[in-house]
Amino acid sequence: MLSQEQIALYKKNGYIGVEAVLTDAEVVALRRVTDEFVEKSREVTEHNDIFDLEPGHTAENPKVRRIKSPCLYHSVYDQTLRHPNILAIVSQLIGHGIRYNGHKLNMKYPEFGSPVEWHQDWAFYPHTNDDLLAVGVVIDDMTVENGALMLIPGSHTGPTLDHHQNGAFVGAVTDPDFTPEGAVPIELKAGGITIHHVRALHGSAPNTSQKSRRLLLFQYCAVDAWPLKGIPDWETFNDFIIQGEPTHQPRIVSTPVRMPEPYSEKKGSIYEVQSILEKRMFG
């Protein structure tokens, strides 16, 4: 559970790091399963429903930058999504009723981990209220050198910046006056978790070290936060509830919103969507 001081820091800065949420054995299991998936990636030559590949991926030298929707493919990931320690912490920040709206495993292997340019998750999926956050489960010790998650303190209370280029959504901040001044890395030991607010500005640099950085990301929402782009259907929408009861009364709060439309010709993972970005902050 979080202390009142940690809760206050989250509300002030829009993010927090928490050490030792998972046991050593749970981390070992996540590493084992992830290694098994990377081995399976030797059989594919291009992005598919499971793998998003780094440039230069081959069967002899597999390079995976994301496992898409990993909880669909292995119980170890799904159990982590529903981990009681994680849910207890999330409940302190957005309430007991929790729905998830996405999960992925971003990987930066030594010397070739792709960067993720500055963005706000809120730009991808605005809701009726902003009681949404992302939890990153740290599978390897996360440092500045291996591409730690970077955040700008207090940015979750500011505007939703433009993520469009030439009129099309490209999944990264394109405001000409934006600079990542004051950005702070979250450095944690394996087994810890990062938590960041859905409106917090964040990104990550390439891995320049000899150590991997694998981060399992879960997106959690308050049950009464409804996506502004609509729901697939009532039953499917409620299948994503982890705890709490469905509600047909969304809570509406005034927040700055930009809709992620129209998309550019590049679709897929954030790496693909950002691939046509003209102005980059990370090398």
Protein backbone atom coordinates (compact mmCIF):
# COMPACT_ATOMS: atom_id res chain seq x y z
CA MET A 1 0.00 0.00 0.00
CA LEU A 2 1.10 3.57 -0.63
CA SER A 3 1.80 5.98 2.19
CA GLN A 4 -0.01 9.31 2.32
CA GLU A 5 3.26 10.95 1.31
CA GLN A 6 3.48 8.77 -1.81
CA ILE A 7 -0.13 9.52 -2.72
CA ALA A 8 0.56 13.24 -2.32
CA LEU A 9 3.63 12.96 -4.57
CA TYR A 10 1.60 11.19 -7.24
CA LYS A 11 -1.08 13.89 -7.15
CA LYS A 12 1.56 16.65 -7.30
CA ASN A 13 3.92 15.21 -9.92
CA GLY A 14 1.68 12.85 -11.89
CA TYR A 15 3.92 9.83 -11.38
CA ILE A 16 5.63 7.73 -8.74
CA GLY A 17 7.98 4.76 -8.51
CA VAL A 18 7.37 1.99 -5.98
CA GLU A 19 10.03 -0.58 -5.12
CA ALA A 20 9.54 -4.30 -4.35
CA VAL A 21 5.91 -4.76 -5.39
CA LEU A 22 6.62 -8.20 -6.93
CA THR A 23 8.66 -11.00 -5.39
CA ASP A 24 11.94 -12.23 -6.84
CA ALA A 25 10.21 -15.43 -7.94
CA GLU A 26 7.55 -13.47 -9.81
CA VAL A 27 10.22 -11.46 -11.61
CA VAL A 28 12.06 -14.65 -12.57
CA ALA A 29 8.82 -16.06 -14.03
CA LEU A 30 8.25 -12.90 -16.09
CA ARG A 31 11.80 -13.05 -17.44
CA ARG A 32 11.48 -16.72 -18.33
CA VAL A 33 8.21 -16.30 -20.20
CA THR A 34 9.49 -13.19 -21.99
CA ASP A 35 12.62 -15.02 -23.11
CA GLU A 36 10.39 -17.79 -24.47
CA PHE A 37 8.43 -15.27 -26.54
CA VAL A 38 11.61 -13.77 -27.96
CA GLU A 39 12.66 -17.28 -29.02
CA LYS A 40 9.32 -17.70 -30.80
CA SER A 41 9.91 -14.43 -32.65
CA ARG A 42 12.65 -16.16 -34.66
CA GLU A 43 9.83 -17.67 -36.71
CA VAL A 44 8.43 -14.31 -37.89
CA THR A 45 9.86 -11.80 -40.36
CA GLU A 46 7.48 -8.86 -39.90
CA HIS A 47 5.13 -7.33 -37.35
CA ASN A 48 2.11 -9.48 -36.50
CA ASP A 49 -0.62 -9.64 -33.85
CA ILE A 50 1.91 -10.62 -31.17
CA PHE A 51 5.26 -9.07 -32.07
CA ASP A 52 6.42 -5.59 -32.95
CA LEU A 53 9.95 -6.01 -34.28
CA GLU A 54 13.01 -3.79 -34.17
CA PRO A 55 14.64 -2.88 -37.49
CA GLY A 56 17.20 -5.57 -38.30
CA HIS A 57 15.30 -8.44 -36.70
CA THR A 58 16.32 -11.85 -38.07
CA ALA A 59 15.89 -15.47 -37.07
CA GLU A 60 19.58 -15.58 -36.15
CA ASN A 61 19.46 -12.32 -34.19
CA PRO A 62 15.91 -11.75 -32.91
CA LYS A 63 15.05 -8.16 -31.97
CA VAL A 64 11.66 -7.56 -30.41
CA ARG A 65 10.64 -4.12 -29.19
CA ARG A 66 7.10 -4.98 -28.08
CA ILE A 67 4.93 -7.96 -27.25
CA LYS A 68 1.41 -6.78 -28.05
CA SER A 69 -1.40 -7.63 -25.61
CA PRO A 70 0.76 -10.16 -23.72
CA CYS A 71 -1.98 -11.05 -21.23
CA LEU A 72 -3.89 -12.73 -24.06
CA TYR A 73 -1.03 -15.13 -24.68
CA HIS A 74 0.30 -16.22 -21.29
CA SER A 75 -1.17 -16.64 -17.82
CA VAL A 76 1.93 -15.21 -16.11
CA TYR A 77 1.27 -11.83 -17.72
CA ASP A 78 -2.46 -12.01 -16.99
CA GLN A 79 -1.82 -12.91 -13.34
CA THR A 80 0.45 -9.88 -13.07
CA LEU A 81 -2.29 -7.64 -14.52
CA ARG A 82 -4.49 -8.84 -11.64
CA HIS A 83 -1.75 -8.90 -8.99
CA PRO A 84 -3.26 -8.02 -5.59
CA ASN A 85 -0.38 -5.72 -4.66
CA ILE A 86 -0.75 -3.74 -7.88
CA LEU A 87 -4.53 -3.53 -7.62
CA ALA A 88 -4.31 -2.39 -3.99
CA ILE A 89 -2.04 0.48 -5.02
CA VAL A 90 -4.12 1.43 -8.06
CA SER A 91 -7.27 1.43 -5.90
CA GLN A 92 -5.70 4.07 -3.66
CA LEU A 93 -5.29 6.37 -6.66
CA ILE A 94 -8.42 5.88 -8.81
CA GLY A 95 -10.86 4.05 -6.53
CA HIS A 96 -11.98 0.45 -6.02
CA GLY A 97 -13.73 -0.01 -9.36
CA ILE A 98 -11.03 -0.76 -11.96
CA ARG A 99 -11.18 -1.55 -15.65
CA TYR A 100 -8.17 -2.16 -17.88
CA ASN A 101 -8.01 -0.81 -21.43
CA GLY A 102 -4.70 -2.15 -22.70
CA HIS A 103 -1.47 -3.98 -21.94
CA LYS A 104 1.89 -4.39 -23.67
CA LEU A 105 5.48 -5.30 -22.96
CA ASN A 106 8.01 -2.75 -24.24
CA MET A 107 11.56 -4.05 -24.54
CA LYS A 108 14.88 -2.30 -25.00
CA TYR A 109 17.65 -4.80 -25.53
CA PRO A 110 21.34 -3.78 -25.27
CA GLU A 111 22.43 -1.12 -27.74
CA PHE A 112 19.34 -1.19 -29.96
CA GLY A 113 16.28 -0.46 -27.84
CA SER A 114 14.08 1.97 -29.78
CA PRO A 115 13.11 5.27 -28.15
CA VAL A 116 9.52 6.30 -27.49
CA GLU A 117 9.03 9.97 -28.31
CA TRP A 118 7.33 12.39 -25.91
CA HIS A 119 3.59 11.91 -25.67
CA GLN A 120 0.56 11.81 -23.39
CA ASP A 121 -1.47 8.61 -23.20
CA TRP A 122 -4.54 10.86 -22.96
CA ALA A 123 -3.95 11.89 -26.57
CA PHE A 124 -4.57 8.29 -27.67
CA TYR A 125 -7.69 7.52 -25.62
CA PRO A 126 -9.50 10.46 -23.96
CA HIS A 127 -12.30 9.50 -21.55
CA THR A 128 -15.15 11.19 -19.71
CA ASN A 129 -12.82 11.70 -16.74
CA ASP A 130 -9.07 11.33 -16.27
CA ASP A 131 -8.95 8.80 -13.44
CA LEU A 132 -6.71 6.65 -15.62
CA LEU A 133 -3.12 5.63 -15.12
CA ALA A 134 -0.46 3.27 -16.45
CA VAL A 135 1.53 0.84 -14.33
CA GLY A 136 4.91 -0.32 -15.57
CA VAL A 137 6.18 -3.56 -14.05
CA VAL A 138 9.98 -3.41 -14.02
CA ILE A 139 11.34 -6.75 -15.25
CA ASP A 140 14.99 -5.61 -15.36
CA ASP A 141 16.66 -2.96 -13.23
CA MET A 142 15.74 0.31 -14.97
CA THR A 143 18.36 3.06 -15.25
CA VAL A 144 19.02 6.14 -17.35
CA GLU A 145 21.60 4.17 -19.33
CA ASN A 146 19.21 1.43 -20.45
CA GLY A 147 16.33 3.72 -21.36
CA ALA A 148 14.41 4.48 -18.16
CA LEU A 149 10.94 5.95 -18.39
CA MET A 150 11.19 9.77 -18.33
CA LEU A 151 8.40 12.06 -17.08
CA ILE A 152 7.82 15.78 -16.69
CA PRO A 153 6.62 16.54 -13.14
CA GLY A 154 3.28 18.32 -12.96
CA SER A 155 2.53 17.96 -16.67
CA HIS A 156 -0.63 15.99 -15.88
CA THR A 157 -2.29 19.21 -14.70
CA GLY A 158 -1.50 21.12 -17.88
CA PRO A 159 -2.89 21.14 -21.41
CA THR A 160 -3.23 18.24 -23.79
CA LEU A 161 -0.55 19.07 -26.34
CA ASP A 162 -0.93 18.64 -30.07
CA HIS A 163 0.04 15.18 -31.35
CA HIS A 164 -0.81 15.93 -34.98
CA GLN A 165 1.52 16.57 -37.91
CA ASN A 166 0.22 18.04 -41.15
CA GLY A 167 -3.28 17.48 -39.83
CA ALA A 168 -2.81 13.78 -39.02
CA PHE A 169 -2.33 12.08 -35.64
CA VAL A 170 1.24 10.82 -35.23
CA GLY A 171 1.27 9.82 -31.55
CA ALA A 172 3.94 12.26 -30.36
CA VAL A 173 4.02 15.86 -29.22
CA THR A 174 4.35 18.25 -32.15
CA ASP A 175 3.77 21.59 -30.40
CA PRO A 176 6.61 23.78 -31.74
CA ASP A 177 7.30 25.36 -28.34
CA PHE A 178 7.50 22.07 -26.44
CA THR A 179 10.76 21.16 -24.70
CA PRO A 180 11.21 18.32 -22.19
CA GLU A 181 12.75 20.73 -19.68
CA GLY A 182 12.73 19.36 -16.16
CA ALA A 183 12.19 15.74 -17.22
CA VAL A 184 13.00 13.17 -14.54
CA PRO A 185 13.89 9.48 -14.97
CA ILE A 186 12.28 6.77 -12.86
CA GLU A 187 15.06 4.41 -11.84
CA LEU A 188 13.91 1.23 -10.09
CA LYS A 189 15.06 -2.27 -9.26
CA ALA A 190 13.37 -5.24 -10.92
CA GLY A 191 10.11 -6.02 -9.14
CA GLY A 192 9.21 -2.38 -8.65
CA ILE A 193 6.50 -0.54 -10.55
CA THR A 194 6.16 2.84 -12.19
CA ILE A 195 2.82 4.63 -12.09
CA HIS A 196 2.00 7.61 -14.27
CA HIS A 197 -1.16 9.62 -14.79
CA VAL A 198 -2.82 9.38 -18.20
CA ARG A 199 -2.12 13.07 -18.93
CA ALA A 200 1.53 13.04 -17.82
CA LEU A 201 4.09 13.81 -20.53
CA HIS A 202 6.55 10.94 -20.87
CA GLY A 203 8.96 9.16 -23.20
CA SER A 204 12.13 7.09 -23.13
CA ALA A 205 15.52 7.24 -24.82
CA PRO A 206 17.31 4.41 -26.62
CA ASN A 207 19.19 1.80 -24.61
CA THR A 208 22.88 2.71 -24.76
CA SER A 209 23.98 0.12 -22.20
CA GLN A 210 24.77 -3.59 -22.21
CA LYS A 211 21.74 -4.36 -20.02
CA SER A 212 18.18 -5.06 -21.09
CA ARG A 213 15.23 -2.90 -20.03
CA ARG A 214 11.90 -4.69 -20.22
CA LEU A 215 8.80 -2.92 -18.94
CA LEU A 216 5.38 -4.63 -18.75
CA LEU A 217 2.74 -1.90 -19.05
CA PHE A 218 -0.88 -2.06 -17.86
CA GLN A 219 -3.47 0.66 -18.50
CA TYR A 220 -6.07 0.98 -15.75
CA CYS A 221 -9.23 3.14 -15.69
CA ALA A 222 -11.86 3.98 -13.11
CA VAL A 223 -14.98 1.93 -13.90
CA ASP A 224 -17.01 5.13 -14.45
CA ALA A 225 -14.53 6.54 -16.99
CA TRP A 226 -15.94 5.92 -20.47
CA PRO A 227 -13.92 6.32 -23.68
CA LEU A 228 -15.02 9.31 -25.75
CA LYS A 229 -14.62 7.29 -28.94
CA GLY A 230 -17.30 4.89 -27.70
CA ILE A 231 -17.43 1.27 -26.58
CA PRO A 232 -17.57 -1.91 -28.69
CA ASP A 233 -20.65 -3.23 -26.87
CA TRP A 234 -21.88 -3.49 -23.27
CA GLU A 235 -20.72 -7.08 -22.64
CA THR A 236 -17.25 -6.65 -24.14
CA PHE A 237 -16.74 -3.33 -22.35
CA ASN A 238 -17.53 -4.90 -18.99
CA ASP A 239 -15.36 -7.95 -19.64
CA PHE A 240 -12.41 -5.64 -18.93
CA ILE A 241 -13.53 -4.91 -15.37
CA ILE A 242 -11.06 -6.38 -12.87
CA GLN A 243 -12.84 -5.31 -9.71
CA GLY A 244 -16.04 -3.42 -8.98
CA GLU A 245 -19.37 -3.39 -10.79
CA PRO A 246 -20.44 -2.07 -14.21
CA THR A 247 -22.15 1.30 -14.42
CA HIS A 248 -24.15 2.93 -17.18
CA GLN A 249 -23.56 6.35 -15.62
CA PRO A 250 -20.18 7.69 -16.75
CA ARG A 251 -18.65 10.36 -14.54
CA ILE A 252 -18.00 13.47 -16.61
CA VAL A 253 -15.23 15.89 -15.63
CA SER A 254 -14.02 18.90 -17.57
CA THR A 255 -10.56 18.06 -18.96
CA PRO A 256 -8.60 19.32 -21.99
CA VAL A 257 -9.21 16.91 -24.87
CA ARG A 258 -7.90 16.51 -28.41
CA MET A 259 -9.27 13.59 -30.40
CA PRO A 260 -6.72 11.24 -32.05
CA GLU A 261 -8.26 11.69 -35.51
CA PRO A 262 -7.58 11.50 -38.32
CA TYR A 263 -4.74 8.97 -38.03
CA SER A 264 -1.80 9.20 -40.39
CA GLU A 265 -1.20 6.47 -42.93
CA LYS A 266 0.99 4.76 -40.31
CA LYS A 267 -0.98 2.56 -37.94
CA GLY A 268 -0.03 -0.14 -35.45
CA SER A 269 2.08 0.24 -32.31
CA ILE A 270 3.28 3.60 -31.04
CA TYR A 271 6.64 2.90 -32.71
CA GLU A 272 4.96 2.65 -36.10
CA VAL A 273 2.65 5.61 -35.53
CA GLN A 274 5.62 7.79 -34.49
CA SER A 275 7.85 6.59 -37.32
CA ILE A 276 6.93 9.49 -39.62
CA LEU A 277 7.55 12.15 -36.97
CA GLU A 278 9.59 14.98 -38.48
CA LYS A 279 10.97 16.53 -35.27
CA ARG A 280 12.45 14.04 -32.79
CA MET A 281 13.60 14.65 -29.24
CA PHE A 282 15.45 11.34 -28.81
CA GLY A 283 18.28 10.10 -30.98
